Each structure stands twice: as structure tokens, then as C-alpha cells.
N, C-alpha and C. Protein backbone atom coordinates (compact mmCIF):
# COMPACT_ATOMS: atom_id res chain seq x y z
N MET A 1 -36.64 13.17 -71.67
CA MET A 1 -35.77 14.10 -72.42
C MET A 1 -36.20 15.53 -72.11
N GLY A 2 -35.71 16.06 -71.00
CA GLY A 2 -36.09 17.42 -70.63
C GLY A 2 -34.91 18.36 -70.74
N GLY A 3 -35.13 19.60 -70.33
CA GLY A 3 -34.05 20.60 -70.38
C GLY A 3 -33.37 20.72 -69.04
N THR A 4 -33.10 21.92 -68.61
CA THR A 4 -32.40 22.14 -67.35
C THR A 4 -33.29 21.79 -66.17
N ALA A 5 -34.59 21.68 -66.39
CA ALA A 5 -35.52 21.41 -65.30
C ALA A 5 -35.64 19.91 -65.03
N ALA A 6 -35.18 19.09 -65.95
CA ALA A 6 -35.32 17.65 -65.82
C ALA A 6 -34.75 17.09 -64.51
N PRO A 7 -33.54 17.50 -64.10
CA PRO A 7 -32.93 16.96 -62.89
C PRO A 7 -33.65 17.37 -61.61
N LEU A 8 -34.49 18.40 -61.68
CA LEU A 8 -35.16 18.89 -60.47
C LEU A 8 -36.22 17.91 -59.99
N HIS A 9 -36.46 17.92 -58.69
CA HIS A 9 -37.47 17.04 -58.12
C HIS A 9 -38.86 17.62 -58.39
N PRO A 10 -39.89 16.77 -58.44
CA PRO A 10 -41.27 17.22 -58.68
C PRO A 10 -41.67 18.35 -57.74
N LEU A 11 -41.29 18.23 -56.46
CA LEU A 11 -41.66 19.26 -55.49
C LEU A 11 -41.08 20.60 -55.89
N ARG A 12 -39.83 20.57 -56.36
CA ARG A 12 -39.18 21.81 -56.78
C ARG A 12 -39.94 22.42 -57.96
N LEU A 13 -40.39 21.55 -58.87
CA LEU A 13 -41.13 22.03 -60.04
C LEU A 13 -42.43 22.68 -59.59
N VAL A 14 -43.07 22.08 -58.60
CA VAL A 14 -44.33 22.64 -58.08
C VAL A 14 -44.06 24.00 -57.46
N GLN A 15 -42.98 24.09 -56.69
CA GLN A 15 -42.63 25.36 -56.06
C GLN A 15 -42.37 26.42 -57.13
N ASP A 16 -41.66 26.04 -58.19
CA ASP A 16 -41.38 26.99 -59.28
C ASP A 16 -42.70 27.45 -59.89
N GLY A 17 -43.67 26.53 -59.98
CA GLY A 17 -44.97 26.87 -60.56
C GLY A 17 -45.67 27.93 -59.72
N PHE A 18 -45.63 27.76 -58.40
CA PHE A 18 -46.28 28.73 -57.51
C PHE A 18 -45.61 30.09 -57.63
N ARG A 19 -44.33 30.09 -57.98
CA ARG A 19 -43.60 31.35 -58.09
C ARG A 19 -43.78 31.99 -59.46
N GLY A 20 -44.57 31.37 -60.32
CA GLY A 20 -44.84 31.96 -61.64
C GLY A 20 -44.09 31.26 -62.76
N GLY A 21 -43.61 30.04 -62.51
CA GLY A 21 -42.87 29.32 -63.55
C GLY A 21 -43.72 28.22 -64.16
N ASP A 22 -45.03 28.44 -64.20
CA ASP A 22 -45.94 27.42 -64.73
C ASP A 22 -45.53 27.00 -66.14
N ALA A 23 -45.13 27.96 -66.96
CA ALA A 23 -44.75 27.66 -68.34
C ALA A 23 -43.58 26.67 -68.35
N ASP A 24 -42.60 26.89 -67.47
CA ASP A 24 -41.44 26.00 -67.43
C ASP A 24 -41.85 24.61 -66.97
N VAL A 25 -42.76 24.56 -66.00
CA VAL A 25 -43.22 23.26 -65.49
C VAL A 25 -43.94 22.50 -66.59
N LEU A 26 -44.85 23.19 -67.30
CA LEU A 26 -45.60 22.54 -68.37
C LEU A 26 -44.64 22.05 -69.45
N ALA A 27 -43.66 22.89 -69.79
CA ALA A 27 -42.69 22.51 -70.82
C ALA A 27 -41.94 21.27 -70.37
N TRP A 28 -41.65 21.18 -69.05
CA TRP A 28 -40.92 20.01 -68.54
C TRP A 28 -41.77 18.76 -68.71
N PHE A 29 -43.07 18.87 -68.39
CA PHE A 29 -43.96 17.72 -68.52
C PHE A 29 -44.08 17.29 -69.98
N TRP A 30 -44.25 18.28 -70.87
CA TRP A 30 -44.43 17.95 -72.29
C TRP A 30 -43.16 17.31 -72.85
N SER A 31 -41.98 17.80 -72.42
CA SER A 31 -40.72 17.29 -72.95
C SER A 31 -40.27 16.05 -72.19
N GLY A 32 -40.78 15.87 -70.98
CA GLY A 32 -40.35 14.77 -70.14
C GLY A 32 -40.86 13.43 -70.65
């Protein structure tokens, strides 16, 4: 049960993290 990031692939989430989206990635894991 995630938000808009749920449909994204893990690799995309990692890339977002490197770009400064760590908070979004963590939120995805916690909500996922």
C-alpha cells in the first residue's frame, strides 16, 4: 500500500534516492 512511488521499479527508487529523494524512498518502504 504505497503512494505514487509504489508503481516504480526498485532501480528507479534507488536512482531517486541518489538524486536526493531518500525521504520518498524511505516513505515508500515504510508504506510498502
